Amino acid sequence: MIATRMSQTRRSAILALLAFSSADAAQQAADPNKRPTLPDVDSSDDAKLPNGKSQKDAISKQAHEDALKEVELLIQMAEDLRDELKHNGEFVVAVSSLKKTEEIEKLARRIRGKLKA
């Protein structure tokens, strides 16, 4: 009895899958050249600044400049850490060096997050 219910459930699932796939195939056969389209990005929707420049371009430029400043800060922090490690010696790692590495990691993650966005 359980085997009968299982086979009926399987049969129903297979029939539903076949019906869905045949309906999808019929729809594609009706218009084979139709492709999914992405929404048009209309540049006329872009807001303009009072000076006539695109607001999106201004935002992108500012984000780029901010990223460059943060990268310069990251380089400076890494160089400070290198100098501190050279100064401390071979067998000594100062707590401040460990804190600097954490700050460098946080800054690097922040930069990466901004660049991904």
C-alpha atoms as a PDB file:
ATOM      1  CA  MET A   1       0.000   0.000   0.000  1.00  0.00           C
ATOM      2  CA  ILE A   2       2.842   2.394   0.848  1.00  0.00           C
ATOM      3  CA  ALA A   3       4.616   1.382  -2.355  1.00  0.00           C
ATOM      4  CA  THR A   4       1.461   2.185  -4.328  1.00  0.00           C
ATOM      5  CA  ARG A   5       1.238   5.673  -2.808  1.00  0.00           C
ATOM      6  CA  MET A   6       4.922   6.301  -3.487  1.00  0.00           C
ATOM      7  CA  SER A   7       4.595   5.227  -7.103  1.00  0.00           C
ATOM      8  CA  GLN A   8       1.502   7.414  -7.506  1.00  0.00           C
ATOM      9  CA  THR A   9       3.386  10.368  -6.000  1.00  0.00           C
ATOM     10  CA  ARG A  10       6.347   9.776  -8.294  1.00  0.00           C
ATOM     11  CA  ARG A  11       4.048   9.400 -11.261  1.00  0.00           C
ATOM     12  CA  SER A  12       2.274  12.652 -10.391  1.00  0.00           C
ATOM     13  CA  ALA A  13       5.577  14.475  -9.995  1.00  0.00           C
ATOM     14  CA  ILE A  14       6.874  13.172 -13.314  1.00  0.00           C
ATOM     15  CA  LEU A  15       3.658  14.109 -15.094  1.00  0.00           C
ATOM     16  CA  ALA A  16       3.741  17.600 -13.615  1.00  0.00           C
ATOM     17  CA  LEU A  17       7.365  18.013 -14.681  1.00  0.00           C
ATOM     18  CA  LEU A  18       6.569  16.831 -18.209  1.00  0.00           C
ATOM     19  CA  ALA A  19       3.586  19.153 -18.454  1.00  0.00           C
ATOM     20  CA  PHE A  20       5.660  22.116 -17.297  1.00  0.00           C
ATOM     21  CA  SER A  21       8.548  21.371 -19.651  1.00  0.00           C
ATOM     22  CA  SER A  22       6.234  20.828 -22.641  1.00  0.00           C
ATOM     23  CA  ALA A  23       4.437  24.114 -21.909  1.00  0.00           C
ATOM     24  CA  ASP A  24       7.779  25.888 -21.717  1.00  0.00           C
ATOM     25  CA  ALA A  25       8.948  24.265 -24.955  1.00  0.00           C
ATOM     26  CA  ALA A  26       5.706  25.268 -26.688  1.00  0.00           C
ATOM     27  CA  GLN A  27       6.155  28.845 -25.559  1.00  0.00           C
ATOM     28  CA  GLN A  28       9.725  28.924 -26.880  1.00  0.00           C
ATOM     29  CA  ALA A  29       8.652  27.312 -30.153  1.00  0.00           C
ATOM     30  CA  ALA A  30       6.012  30.002 -30.646  1.00  0.00           C
ATOM     31  CA  ASP A  31       8.655  32.744 -30.653  1.00  0.00           C
ATOM     32  CA  PRO A  32      12.197  31.278 -30.922  1.00  0.00           C
ATOM     33  CA  ASN A  33      13.845  34.669 -31.525  1.00  0.00           C
ATOM     34  CA  LYS A  34      12.491  36.204 -28.355  1.00  0.00           C
ATOM     35  CA  ARG A  35      15.200  36.646 -25.767  1.00  0.00           C
ATOM     36  CA  PRO A  36      14.875  37.956 -22.264  1.00  0.00           C
ATOM     37  CA  THR A  37      15.638  41.634 -22.250  1.00  0.00           C
ATOM     38  CA  LEU A  38      17.192  43.766 -19.594  1.00  0.00           C
ATOM     39  CA  PRO A  39      15.567  47.034 -18.652  1.00  0.00           C
ATOM     40  CA  ASP A  40      16.902  49.959 -20.630  1.00  0.00           C
ATOM     41  CA  VAL A  41      19.145  52.259 -18.710  1.00  0.00           C
ATOM     42  CA  ASP A  42      18.136  55.644 -19.960  1.00  0.00           C
ATOM     43  CA  SER A  43      20.819  58.295 -19.613  1.00  0.00           C
ATOM     44  CA  SER A  44      18.144  60.982 -19.701  1.00  0.00           C
ATOM     45  CA  ASP A  45      17.146  59.913 -16.168  1.00  0.00           C
ATOM     46  CA  ASP A  46      20.599  60.963 -14.942  1.00  0.00           C
ATOM     47  CA  ALA A  47      20.334  64.092 -12.847  1.00  0.00           C
ATOM     48  CA  LYS A  48      22.493  67.029 -13.854  1.00  0.00           C
ATOM     49  CA  LEU A  49      24.401  69.287 -11.520  1.00  0.00           C
ATOM     50  CA  PRO A  50      24.105  73.088 -11.785  1.00  0.00           C
ATOM     51  CA  ASN A  51      27.367  73.149 -13.763  1.00  0.00           C
ATOM     52  CA  GLY A  52      25.805  70.784 -16.348  1.00  0.00           C
ATOM     53  CA  LYS A  53      27.831  67.702 -15.464  1.00  0.00           C
ATOM     54  CA  SER A  54      26.288  64.341 -14.753  1.00  0.00           C
ATOM     55  CA  GLN A  55      25.601  63.661 -11.078  1.00  0.00           C
ATOM     56  CA  LYS A  56      26.593  60.000 -11.510  1.00  0.00           C
ATOM     57  CA  ASP A  57      29.916  61.023 -13.054  1.00  0.00           C
ATOM     58  CA  ALA A  58      30.591  63.433 -10.198  1.00  0.00           C
ATOM     59  CA  ILE A  59      29.792  60.759  -7.616  1.00  0.00           C
ATOM     60  CA  SER A  60      32.042  58.251  -9.400  1.00  0.00           C
ATOM     61  CA  LYS A  61      34.882  60.752  -9.594  1.00  0.00           C
ATOM     62  CA  GLN A  62      34.579  61.576  -5.889  1.00  0.00           C
ATOM     63  CA  ALA A  63      34.476  57.871  -4.970  1.00  0.00           C
ATOM     64  CA  HIS A  64      37.619  57.310  -7.041  1.00  0.00           C
ATOM     65  CA  GLU A  65      39.425  60.176  -5.318  1.00  0.00           C
ATOM     66  CA  ASP A  66      38.358  58.877  -1.901  1.00  0.00           C
ATOM     67  CA  ALA A  67      39.613  55.398  -2.786  1.00  0.00           C
ATOM     68  CA  LEU A  68      42.986  56.822  -3.838  1.00  0.00           C
ATOM     69  CA  LYS A  69      43.274  58.718  -0.535  1.00  0.00           C
ATOM     70  CA  GLU A  70      42.448  55.586   1.451  1.00  0.00           C
ATOM     71  CA  VAL A  71      44.980  53.554  -0.541  1.00  0.00           C
ATOM     72  CA  GLU A  72      47.637  56.170   0.209  1.00  0.00           C
ATOM     73  CA  LEU A  73      46.738  55.883   3.892  1.00  0.00           C
ATOM     74  CA  LEU A  74      46.965  52.088   3.643  1.00  0.00           C
ATOM     75  CA  ILE A  75      50.422  52.335   2.076  1.00  0.00           C
ATOM     76  CA  GLN A  76      51.560  54.747   4.783  1.00  0.00           C
ATOM     77  CA  MET A  77      50.268  52.451   7.536  1.00  0.00           C
ATOM     78  CA  ALA A  78      52.015  49.446   5.977  1.00  0.00           C
ATOM     79  CA  GLU A  79      55.296  51.353   5.719  1.00  0.00           C
ATOM     80  CA  ASP A  80      54.996  52.452   9.364  1.00  0.00           C
ATOM     81  CA  LEU A  81      54.421  48.840  10.374  1.00  0.00           C
ATOM     82  CA  ARG A  82      57.452  47.706   8.370  1.00  0.00           C
ATOM     83  CA  ASP A  83      59.635  50.351  10.015  1.00  0.00           C
ATOM     84  CA  GLU A  84      58.364  49.420  13.458  1.00  0.00           C
ATOM     85  CA  LEU A  85      59.057  45.726  12.884  1.00  0.00           C
ATOM     86  CA  LYS A  86      62.585  46.499  11.668  1.00  0.00           C
ATOM     87  CA  HIS A  87      63.183  48.699  14.704  1.00  0.00           C
ATOM     88  CA  ASN A  88      61.860  46.143  17.229  1.00  0.00           C
ATOM     89  CA  GLY A  89      64.220  43.435  16.169  1.00  0.00           C
ATOM     90  CA  GLU A  90      64.024  39.838  15.124  1.00  0.00           C
ATOM     91  CA  PHE A  91      62.452  38.184  18.158  1.00  0.00           C
ATOM     92  CA  VAL A  92      60.189  40.948  19.467  1.00  0.00           C
ATOM     93  CA  VAL A  93      56.713  41.827  18.241  1.00  0.00           C
ATOM     94  CA  ALA A  94      55.170  44.781  19.995  1.00  0.00           C
ATOM     95  CA  VAL A  95      51.494  44.906  20.858  1.00  0.00           C
ATOM     96  CA  SER A  96      51.259  48.159  18.910  1.00  0.00           C
ATOM     97  CA  SER A  97      52.444  46.262  15.810  1.00  0.00           C
ATOM     98  CA  LEU A  98      49.618  43.793  16.205  1.00  0.00           C
ATOM     99  CA  LYS A  99      47.126  46.636  16.579  1.00  0.00           C
ATOM    100  CA  LYS A 100      48.511  48.258  13.436  1.00  0.00           C
ATOM    101  CA  THR A 101      48.000  45.032  11.500  1.00  0.00           C
ATOM    102  CA  GLU A 102      44.362  44.963  12.630  1.00  0.00           C
ATOM    103  CA  GLU A 103      43.902  48.582  11.550  1.00  0.00           C
ATOM    104  CA  ILE A 104      45.480  47.785   8.187  1.00  0.00           C
ATOM    105  CA  GLU A 105      43.115  44.837   7.739  1.00  0.00           C
ATOM    106  CA  LYS A 106      40.083  46.967   8.585  1.00  0.00           C
ATOM    107  CA  LEU A 107      41.130  49.662   6.144  1.00  0.00           C
ATOM    108  CA  ALA A 108      41.808  47.109   3.409  1.00  0.00           C
ATOM    109  CA  ARG A 109      38.364  45.546   3.932  1.00  0.00           C
ATOM    110  CA  ARG A 110      36.725  48.964   3.826  1.00  0.00           C
ATOM    111  CA  ILE A 111      38.522  49.821   0.583  1.00  0.00           C
ATOM    112  CA  ARG A 112      37.583  46.464  -0.945  1.00  0.00           C
ATOM    113  CA  GLY A 113      33.941  46.925   0.068  1.00  0.00           C
ATOM    114  CA  LYS A 114      33.789  50.364  -1.506  1.00  0.00           C
ATOM    115  CA  LEU A 115      35.389  49.154  -4.711  1.00  0.00           C
ATOM    116  CA  LYS A 116      32.953  46.246  -4.974  1.00  0.00           C
ATOM    117  CA  ALA A 117      29.940  48.506  -4.575  1.00  0.00           C
END
